[in-house]
Amino acid sequence: MEKYHVLEMIGEGSFGRVYKGRKKYTAQVVALKFIPKLGRSEKELRNLQREIEIMRGLRHPNIVHMLDSFETDKEVVVVTDYAEGELFQILEDDGKLPEDQVQAIAAQLVSALYYLHSHRILHRDMKPQNILLAKGGGIKLCDFG
């Protein structure tokens, strides 16, 4: 953790916890996903390493960019772009979205999925919780399952 400051927890799930952070000596805001190793099978840990390797090679404006990853004795830590929020939260709070916003989100998702499929990668966990909102109204697909 010598490269990052942990600022605040922004999410929690069965995988672990996600924190907003900042790269030391810069103003770069990042997301730090802490995934505990304890209680995970060798197969689960291998699948996690495979997902990290897949993410490392992806470059698309609508797919969250992995900046770094490392391991501690107890956790695997994945560092990605920071996004402002989840599509799920907006849908839960507001109940719906304007049609033009839905069209923009759908177009960005199609672009991201086309990119993934053209690289022979399946997402396997498409849901509103895995669609993050970036600054400027863009979306970022994350958590490939």
Foldseek 3Di string as FASTA:
>chain_A
DVQKDFDAWDDQDPQGTKTWIAGPPDRAIKIKGKGWPPPDDPVRVVVVVVVVVVQQPDDDPAAWHWDDWDDDPTTTITITHDFDFFQVVCCVVVVDDDPVLVVQQVVSVVVVQVSQVVVVHAQCDDDRRQWGAHPPSGIHGDRSD
